[in-house]
């Protein structure tokens, strides 16, 4: 994968053994804040594991409902409170464990909501700016948040997904639609290999879209997540 950072959403509902197996194969861990999945105890254990493996640590706040993938989104005030609560507890745990939080990556519906709602995006970026200056974000490659964050002086790692399908507009195919999930490790690896060579990500309509990114995500709950990470590391 060259200089690309492999990342994975961890500390959710995967087993402790699976968390460690996945952690050993990534360069960055998006660690659940104990709300959309997992628990604060699991968050702390995952932070300790990330420290042991020396990976970049990111906070991964999400909605409390529907595993973080609900359709009822918060308003601006509710989103501000959500970020304050989840990032506050996460930073406290990270300090106790002795690891630096390098970035924030929103989970599920929130990740996409800030791409669509200017008010939520503003709340999000203001909260990031209020944190330590070394804290950046993982954000959708080619999305609307990327230039807004850079304009605000926030470090951005643009992100693509190895296990998710893309639309012609460079968005992820919604999970309730066909082609949302990539079927099989060889297919997923070939897509990322093609993108890495050409800069063009294959799309669900048979075309491709131009994307630039510094990090590639594999979800811990995707089928064959471990095998996919291993194959991407070897590619």
C-alpha atoms as a PDB file:
ATOM      1  CA  UNK A   1       0.000   0.000   0.000  1.00  0.00           C
ATOM      2  CA  UNK A   2       3.020   2.288  -0.177  1.00  0.00           C
ATOM      3  CA  UNK A   3       2.660   5.343   2.042  1.00  0.00           C
ATOM      4  CA  UNK A   4      -1.084   4.947   2.443  1.00  0.00           C
ATOM      5  CA  UNK A   5      -2.279   4.465   6.020  1.00  0.00           C
ATOM      6  CA  UNK A   6      -4.576   1.507   6.602  1.00  0.00           C
ATOM      7  CA  UNK A   7      -7.230   2.317   9.195  1.00  0.00           C
ATOM      8  CA  UNK A   8     -10.018   0.392  10.888  1.00  0.00           C
ATOM      9  CA  UNK A   9     -12.996   1.225  13.114  1.00  0.00           C
ATOM     10  CA  UNK A  10     -12.242  -0.576  16.382  1.00  0.00           C
ATOM     11  CA  UNK A  11     -13.534  -0.929  19.936  1.00  0.00           C
ATOM     12  CA  UNK A  12     -17.059  -1.543  18.662  1.00  0.00           C
ATOM     13  CA  UNK A  13     -18.790  -4.925  18.899  1.00  0.00           C
ATOM     14  CA  UNK A  14     -15.921  -7.097  17.688  1.00  0.00           C
ATOM     15  CA  UNK A  15     -14.372  -9.547  20.147  1.00  0.00           C
ATOM     16  CA  UNK A  16     -11.267  -8.575  22.104  1.00  0.00           C
ATOM     17  CA  UNK A  17      -9.276 -11.135  20.142  1.00  0.00           C
ATOM     18  CA  UNK A  18     -10.487  -9.696  16.839  1.00  0.00           C
ATOM     19  CA  UNK A  19      -9.657  -6.173  17.983  1.00  0.00           C
ATOM     20  CA  UNK A  20      -6.066  -7.209  18.558  1.00  0.00           C
ATOM     21  CA  UNK A  21      -5.794  -9.113  15.288  1.00  0.00           C
ATOM     22  CA  UNK A  22      -7.059  -6.081  13.372  1.00  0.00           C
ATOM     23  CA  UNK A  23      -4.969  -3.602  15.378  1.00  0.00           C
ATOM     24  CA  UNK A  24      -1.822  -5.506  14.459  1.00  0.00           C
ATOM     25  CA  UNK A  25      -2.506  -4.862  10.769  1.00  0.00           C
ATOM     26  CA  UNK A  26      -3.326  -1.141  10.677  1.00  0.00           C
ATOM     27  CA  UNK A  27      -1.506   2.147  10.974  1.00  0.00           C
ATOM     28  CA  UNK A  28      -4.452   4.030  12.489  1.00  0.00           C
ATOM     29  CA  UNK A  29      -7.321   3.023  14.763  1.00  0.00           C
ATOM     30  CA  UNK A  30     -10.655   4.859  14.780  1.00  0.00           C
ATOM     31  CA  UNK A  31     -11.716   4.003  18.313  1.00  0.00           C
ATOM     32  CA  UNK A  32     -15.374   4.025  19.336  1.00  0.00           C
ATOM     33  CA  UNK A  33     -16.221   6.506  22.091  1.00  0.00           C
ATOM     34  CA  UNK A  34     -18.412   3.897  23.800  1.00  0.00           C
ATOM     35  CA  UNK A  35     -21.779   5.185  22.587  1.00  0.00           C
ATOM     36  CA  UNK A  36     -22.764   3.869  19.139  1.00  0.00           C
ATOM     37  CA  UNK A  37     -21.242   0.485  20.089  1.00  0.00           C
ATOM     38  CA  UNK A  38     -18.929  -1.031  22.651  1.00  0.00           C
ATOM     39  CA  UNK A  39     -18.566   0.609  26.050  1.00  0.00           C
ATOM     40  CA  UNK A  40     -16.233   2.988  27.847  1.00  0.00           C
ATOM     41  CA  UNK A  41     -14.430  -0.042  29.286  1.00  0.00           C
ATOM     42  CA  UNK A  42     -13.877  -1.378  25.789  1.00  0.00           C
ATOM     43  CA  UNK A  43     -12.766   2.060  24.615  1.00  0.00           C
ATOM     44  CA  UNK A  44     -10.089   2.135  27.298  1.00  0.00           C
ATOM     45  CA  UNK A  45      -8.932  -1.404  26.492  1.00  0.00           C
ATOM     46  CA  UNK A  46      -8.693  -0.508  22.799  1.00  0.00           C
ATOM     47  CA  UNK A  47      -6.699   2.630  23.596  1.00  0.00           C
ATOM     48  CA  UNK A  48      -4.274   0.519  25.622  1.00  0.00           C
ATOM     49  CA  UNK A  49      -3.958  -1.889  22.703  1.00  0.00           C
ATOM     50  CA  UNK A  50      -3.328   0.986  20.281  1.00  0.00           C
ATOM     51  CA  UNK A  51      -0.588   2.267  22.573  1.00  0.00           C
ATOM     52  CA  UNK A  52       1.048  -1.165  22.627  1.00  0.00           C
ATOM     53  CA  UNK A  53       0.995  -1.424  18.823  1.00  0.00           C
ATOM     54  CA  UNK A  54       2.062   2.186  18.256  1.00  0.00           C
ATOM     55  CA  UNK A  55      -0.708   3.130  15.838  1.00  0.00           C
ATOM     56  CA  UNK A  56      -2.258   6.553  15.263  1.00  0.00           C
ATOM     57  CA  UNK A  57      -5.244   7.014  17.552  1.00  0.00           C
ATOM     58  CA  UNK A  58      -8.470   8.677  16.421  1.00  0.00           C
ATOM     59  CA  UNK A  59     -11.732   9.320  18.281  1.00  0.00           C
ATOM     60  CA  UNK A  60     -14.764   7.851  16.519  1.00  0.00           C
ATOM     61  CA  UNK A  61     -17.949   9.525  17.841  1.00  0.00           C
ATOM     62  CA  UNK A  62     -21.331   8.359  16.596  1.00  0.00           C
ATOM     63  CA  UNK A  63     -25.087   8.401  17.090  1.00  0.00           C
ATOM     64  CA  UNK A  64     -26.418   6.467  20.067  1.00  0.00           C
ATOM     65  CA  UNK A  65     -29.245   4.942  17.999  1.00  0.00           C
ATOM     66  CA  UNK A  66     -29.229   2.155  15.405  1.00  0.00           C
ATOM     67  CA  UNK A  67     -25.553   1.393  15.856  1.00  0.00           C
ATOM     68  CA  UNK A  68     -24.670   4.913  14.757  1.00  0.00           C
ATOM     69  CA  UNK A  69     -26.383   4.540  11.391  1.00  0.00           C
ATOM     70  CA  UNK A  70     -29.769   6.019  12.136  1.00  0.00           C
ATOM     71  CA  UNK A  71     -31.701   8.413   9.912  1.00  0.00           C
ATOM     72  CA  UNK A  72     -32.746  10.818  12.688  1.00  0.00           C
ATOM     73  CA  UNK A  73     -29.900  13.295  12.747  1.00  0.00           C
ATOM     74  CA  UNK A  74     -29.182  15.784  15.540  1.00  0.00           C
ATOM     75  CA  UNK A  75     -29.738  19.495  15.135  1.00  0.00           C
ATOM     76  CA  UNK A  76     -26.750  21.809  15.584  1.00  0.00           C
ATOM     77  CA  UNK A  77     -27.128  22.131  19.364  1.00  0.00           C
ATOM     78  CA  UNK A  78     -27.586  18.389  19.818  1.00  0.00           C
ATOM     79  CA  UNK A  79     -24.575  17.684  17.630  1.00  0.00           C
ATOM     80  CA  UNK A  80     -22.464  20.130  19.631  1.00  0.00           C
ATOM     81  CA  UNK A  81     -23.453  18.380  22.861  1.00  0.00           C
ATOM     82  CA  UNK A  82     -22.776  14.951  21.328  1.00  0.00           C
ATOM     83  CA  UNK A  83     -19.271  15.997  20.313  1.00  0.00           C
ATOM     84  CA  UNK A  84     -18.557  17.627  23.668  1.00  0.00           C
ATOM     85  CA  UNK A  85     -19.688  14.544  25.577  1.00  0.00           C
ATOM     86  CA  UNK A  86     -18.052  11.871  23.455  1.00  0.00           C
ATOM     87  CA  UNK A  87     -14.796  13.668  22.698  1.00  0.00           C
ATOM     88  CA  UNK A  88     -14.539  14.847  26.290  1.00  0.00           C
ATOM     89  CA  UNK A  89     -14.754  11.318  27.700  1.00  0.00           C
ATOM     90  CA  UNK A  90     -12.483   9.944  24.984  1.00  0.00           C
ATOM     91  CA  UNK A  91      -9.770  12.543  25.607  1.00  0.00           C
ATOM     92  CA  UNK A  92      -9.973  11.847  29.338  1.00  0.00           C
ATOM     93  CA  UNK A  93      -9.494   8.116  28.801  1.00  0.00           C
ATOM     94  CA  UNK A  94      -6.664   8.683  26.318  1.00  0.00           C
ATOM     95  CA  UNK A  95      -4.872  10.905  28.824  1.00  0.00           C
ATOM     96  CA  UNK A  96      -5.177   8.235  31.514  1.00  0.00           C
ATOM     97  CA  UNK A  97      -3.823   5.595  29.137  1.00  0.00           C
ATOM     98  CA  UNK A  98      -1.052   7.919  27.985  1.00  0.00           C
ATOM     99  CA  UNK A  99      -1.745   8.108  24.258  1.00  0.00           C
ATOM    100  CA  UNK A 100      -2.080  11.162  22.032  1.00  0.00           C
ATOM    101  CA  UNK A 101      -5.304  11.620  20.064  1.00  0.00           C
ATOM    102  CA  UNK A 102      -4.211  12.541  16.554  1.00  0.00           C
ATOM    103  CA  UNK A 103      -7.529  12.880  14.747  1.00  0.00           C
ATOM    104  CA  UNK A 104     -11.314  12.575  14.840  1.00  0.00           C
ATOM    105  CA  UNK A 105     -13.339  10.500  12.399  1.00  0.00           C
ATOM    106  CA  UNK A 106     -17.109  10.685  12.617  1.00  0.00           C
ATOM    107  CA  UNK A 107     -18.971   7.404  12.541  1.00  0.00           C
ATOM    108  CA  UNK A 108     -21.755   6.261  10.235  1.00  0.00           C
ATOM    109  CA  UNK A 109     -24.538   8.744   9.604  1.00  0.00           C
ATOM    110  CA  UNK A 110     -22.614  11.630  11.156  1.00  0.00           C
ATOM    111  CA  UNK A 111     -19.716  11.086   8.730  1.00  0.00           C
ATOM    112  CA  UNK A 112     -22.088  11.719   5.840  1.00  0.00           C
ATOM    113  CA  UNK A 113     -24.290  14.306   7.563  1.00  0.00           C
ATOM    114  CA  UNK A 114     -21.488  16.867   7.747  1.00  0.00           C
ATOM    115  CA  UNK A 115     -21.001  16.436   4.004  1.00  0.00           C
ATOM    116  CA  UNK A 116     -24.629  17.434   3.385  1.00  0.00           C
ATOM    117  CA  UNK A 117     -25.437  19.936   6.132  1.00  0.00           C
ATOM    118  CA  UNK A 118     -23.391  23.137   6.273  1.00  0.00           C
ATOM    119  CA  UNK A 119     -24.514  23.927   9.819  1.00  0.00           C
ATOM    120  CA  UNK A 120     -23.415  20.537  11.137  1.00  0.00           C
ATOM    121  CA  UNK A 121     -20.121  20.859   9.276  1.00  0.00           C
ATOM    122  CA  UNK A 122     -19.505  24.234  10.911  1.00  0.00           C
ATOM    123  CA  UNK A 123     -20.234  22.820  14.386  1.00  0.00           C
ATOM    124  CA  UNK A 124     -17.899  19.914  13.715  1.00  0.00           C
ATOM    125  CA  UNK A 125     -14.978  21.992  12.484  1.00  0.00           C
ATOM    126  CA  UNK A 126     -15.358  24.529  15.289  1.00  0.00           C
ATOM    127  CA  UNK A 127     -15.130  21.683  17.799  1.00  0.00           C
ATOM    128  CA  UNK A 128     -11.994  20.331  16.132  1.00  0.00           C
ATOM    129  CA  UNK A 129     -10.431  23.807  16.145  1.00  0.00           C
ATOM    130  CA  UNK A 130     -11.071  24.021  19.891  1.00  0.00           C
ATOM    131  CA  UNK A 131      -8.904  20.960  20.477  1.00  0.00           C
ATOM    132  CA  UNK A 132      -5.142  20.642  20.492  1.00  0.00           C
ATOM    133  CA  UNK A 133      -3.680  22.018  17.266  1.00  0.00           C
ATOM    134  CA  UNK A 134      -2.182  18.614  16.408  1.00  0.00           C
ATOM    135  CA  UNK A 135      -5.653  17.039  16.156  1.00  0.00           C
ATOM    136  CA  UNK A 136      -6.918  16.636  12.589  1.00  0.00           C
ATOM    137  CA  UNK A 137      -9.709  14.696  10.903  1.00  0.00           C
ATOM    138  CA  UNK A 138     -10.210  11.696   8.646  1.00  0.00           C
ATOM    139  CA  UNK A 139     -12.752  12.801   6.039  1.00  0.00           C
ATOM    140  CA  UNK A 140     -14.357  11.571   2.821  1.00  0.00           C
ATOM    141  CA  UNK A 141     -11.954  11.907  -0.098  1.00  0.00           C
ATOM    142  CA  UNK A 142     -13.203  14.535  -2.525  1.00  0.00           C
ATOM    143  CA  UNK A 143     -15.960  15.590  -0.137  1.00  0.00           C
ATOM    144  CA  UNK A 144     -17.164  19.052   0.869  1.00  0.00           C
ATOM    145  CA  UNK A 145     -15.660  18.947   4.358  1.00  0.00           C
ATOM    146  CA  UNK A 146     -12.066  18.567   3.153  1.00  0.00           C
ATOM    147  CA  UNK A 147     -11.609  22.087   1.708  1.00  0.00           C
ATOM    148  CA  UNK A 148     -13.570  23.657   4.578  1.00  0.00           C
ATOM    149  CA  UNK A 149     -11.285  21.999   7.109  1.00  0.00           C
ATOM    150  CA  UNK A 150      -8.140  23.002   5.280  1.00  0.00           C
ATOM    151  CA  UNK A 151      -9.384  26.567   5.010  1.00  0.00           C
ATOM    152  CA  UNK A 152      -9.842  26.510   8.785  1.00  0.00           C
ATOM    153  CA  UNK A 153      -6.266  25.313   9.242  1.00  0.00           C
ATOM    154  CA  UNK A 154      -7.199  21.767  10.265  1.00  0.00           C
ATOM    155  CA  UNK A 155      -5.024  18.817   9.241  1.00  0.00           C
ATOM    156  CA  UNK A 156      -6.999  16.486   6.962  1.00  0.00           C
ATOM    157  CA  UNK A 157      -6.341  12.931   5.915  1.00  0.00           C
ATOM    158  CA  UNK A 158      -8.599  12.226   2.939  1.00  0.00           C
ATOM    159  CA  UNK A 159     -10.060   8.727   3.170  1.00  0.00           C
ATOM    160  CA  UNK A 160     -11.245   6.044   0.769  1.00  0.00           C
ATOM    161  CA  UNK A 161     -12.919   2.751   1.642  1.00  0.00           C
ATOM    162  CA  UNK A 162     -11.721  -0.659   0.523  1.00  0.00           C
ATOM    163  CA  UNK A 163     -14.901  -2.493   1.479  1.00  0.00           C
ATOM    164  CA  UNK A 164     -17.561  -0.066   0.221  1.00  0.00           C
ATOM    165  CA  UNK A 165     -18.949   0.734  -3.205  1.00  0.00           C
ATOM    166  CA  UNK A 166     -18.823   4.221  -4.720  1.00  0.00           C
ATOM    167  CA  UNK A 167     -21.322   6.234  -6.739  1.00  0.00           C
ATOM    168  CA  UNK A 168     -20.354   8.177  -9.846  1.00  0.00           C
ATOM    169  CA  UNK A 169     -20.325  11.324  -7.659  1.00  0.00           C
ATOM    170  CA  UNK A 170     -17.670   9.902  -5.333  1.00  0.00           C
ATOM    171  CA  UNK A 171     -20.097   9.173  -2.489  1.00  0.00           C
ATOM    172  CA  UNK A 172     -20.438   5.813  -0.762  1.00  0.00           C
ATOM    173  CA  UNK A 173     -23.332   3.709  -2.019  1.00  0.00           C
ATOM    174  CA  UNK A 174     -25.934   3.725   0.803  1.00  0.00           C
ATOM    175  CA  UNK A 175     -25.853   0.534   2.846  1.00  0.00           C
ATOM    176  CA  UNK A 176     -29.451  -0.336   1.982  1.00  0.00           C
ATOM    177  CA  UNK A 177     -28.722  -0.415  -1.743  1.00  0.00           C
ATOM    178  CA  UNK A 178     -27.107  -3.051  -3.969  1.00  0.00           C
ATOM    179  CA  UNK A 179     -23.319  -2.774  -4.376  1.00  0.00           C
ATOM    180  CA  UNK A 180     -22.936  -0.973  -1.033  1.00  0.00           C
ATOM    181  CA  UNK A 181     -20.509  -3.639   0.164  1.00  0.00           C
ATOM    182  CA  UNK A 182     -17.725  -5.048  -1.969  1.00  0.00           C
ATOM    183  CA  UNK A 183     -18.138  -8.788  -2.358  1.00  0.00           C
ATOM    184  CA  UNK A 184     -14.897 -10.683  -1.756  1.00  0.00           C
ATOM    185  CA  UNK A 185     -11.315  -9.872  -0.856  1.00  0.00           C
ATOM    186  CA  UNK A 186      -9.858 -10.280  -4.401  1.00  0.00           C
ATOM    187  CA  UNK A 187     -12.400  -7.820  -5.838  1.00  0.00           C
ATOM    188  CA  UNK A 188     -11.764  -5.282  -3.078  1.00  0.00           C
ATOM    189  CA  UNK A 189      -7.984  -5.522  -3.448  1.00  0.00           C
ATOM    190  CA  UNK A 190      -8.161  -5.162  -7.219  1.00  0.00           C
ATOM    191  CA  UNK A 191     -10.309  -2.016  -6.890  1.00  0.00           C
ATOM    192  CA  UNK A 192      -7.835  -0.405  -4.510  1.00  0.00           C
ATOM    193  CA  UNK A 193      -4.927  -1.496  -6.690  1.00  0.00           C
ATOM    194  CA  UNK A 194      -6.598   0.094  -9.750  1.00  0.00           C
ATOM    195  CA  UNK A 195      -7.280   3.282  -7.799  1.00  0.00           C
ATOM    196  CA  UNK A 196      -3.730   3.378  -6.433  1.00  0.00           C
ATOM    197  CA  UNK A 197      -2.296   3.123  -9.932  1.00  0.00           C
ATOM    198  CA  UNK A 198      -4.625   5.456 -11.802  1.00  0.00           C
ATOM    199  CA  UNK A 199      -6.229   7.653  -9.144  1.00  0.00           C
ATOM    200  CA  UNK A 200      -9.605   6.511 -10.480  1.00  0.00           C
ATOM    201  CA  UNK A 201     -11.947   4.615  -8.147  1.00  0.00           C
ATOM    202  CA  UNK A 202     -14.305   2.130  -9.841  1.00  0.00           C
ATOM    203  CA  UNK A 203     -17.981   3.028  -9.332  1.00  0.00           C
ATOM    204  CA  UNK A 204     -21.186   1.028  -9.096  1.00  0.00           C
ATOM    205  CA  UNK A 205     -22.344   2.149 -12.554  1.00  0.00           C
ATOM    206  CA  UNK A 206     -19.303   0.617 -14.239  1.00  0.00           C
ATOM    207  CA  UNK A 207     -17.400   3.887 -14.509  1.00  0.00           C
ATOM    208  CA  UNK A 208     -14.856   5.504 -12.222  1.00  0.00           C
ATOM    209  CA  UNK A 209     -14.313   8.700 -10.258  1.00  0.00           C
ATOM    210  CA  UNK A 210     -11.113  10.602  -9.542  1.00  0.00           C
ATOM    211  CA  UNK A 211     -10.137  10.496  -5.854  1.00  0.00           C
ATOM    212  CA  UNK A 212      -7.001  11.388  -3.909  1.00  0.00           C
ATOM    213  CA  UNK A 213      -6.451   9.997  -0.422  1.00  0.00           C
ATOM    214  CA  UNK A 214      -3.879   9.322   2.266  1.00  0.00           C
ATOM    215  CA  UNK A 215      -5.718   6.605   4.171  1.00  0.00           C
ATOM    216  CA  UNK A 216      -7.770   3.509   3.329  1.00  0.00           C
ATOM    217  CA  UNK A 217     -10.486   2.188   5.655  1.00  0.00           C
ATOM    218  CA  UNK A 218     -11.636  -1.354   6.293  1.00  0.00           C
ATOM    219  CA  UNK A 219     -14.596  -1.683   8.666  1.00  0.00           C
ATOM    220  CA  UNK A 220     -14.123  -4.172  11.498  1.00  0.00           C
ATOM    221  CA  UNK A 221     -17.628  -5.561  10.920  1.00  0.00           C
ATOM    222  CA  UNK A 222     -17.127  -6.188   7.212  1.00  0.00           C
ATOM    223  CA  UNK A 223     -16.952  -9.828   6.129  1.00  0.00           C
ATOM    224  CA  UNK A 224     -13.333 -10.960   5.815  1.00  0.00           C
ATOM    225  CA  UNK A 225     -12.031  -7.702   7.352  1.00  0.00           C
ATOM    226  CA  UNK A 226      -8.929  -9.441   8.680  1.00  0.00           C
ATOM    227  CA  UNK A 227      -8.135 -11.109   5.368  1.00  0.00           C
ATOM    228  CA  UNK A 228      -8.716  -7.863   3.481  1.00  0.00           C
ATOM    229  CA  UNK A 229      -6.346  -5.911   5.707  1.00  0.00           C
ATOM    230  CA  UNK A 230      -3.728  -8.623   5.370  1.00  0.00           C
ATOM    231  CA  UNK A 231      -4.044  -8.607   1.569  1.00  0.00           C
ATOM    232  CA  UNK A 232      -3.814  -4.809   1.406  1.00  0.00           C
ATOM    233  CA  UNK A 233      -0.706  -4.829   3.605  1.00  0.00           C
ATOM    234  CA  UNK A 234       0.959  -7.294   1.268  1.00  0.00           C
ATOM    235  CA  UNK A 235      -0.092  -5.543  -1.945  1.00  0.00           C
END
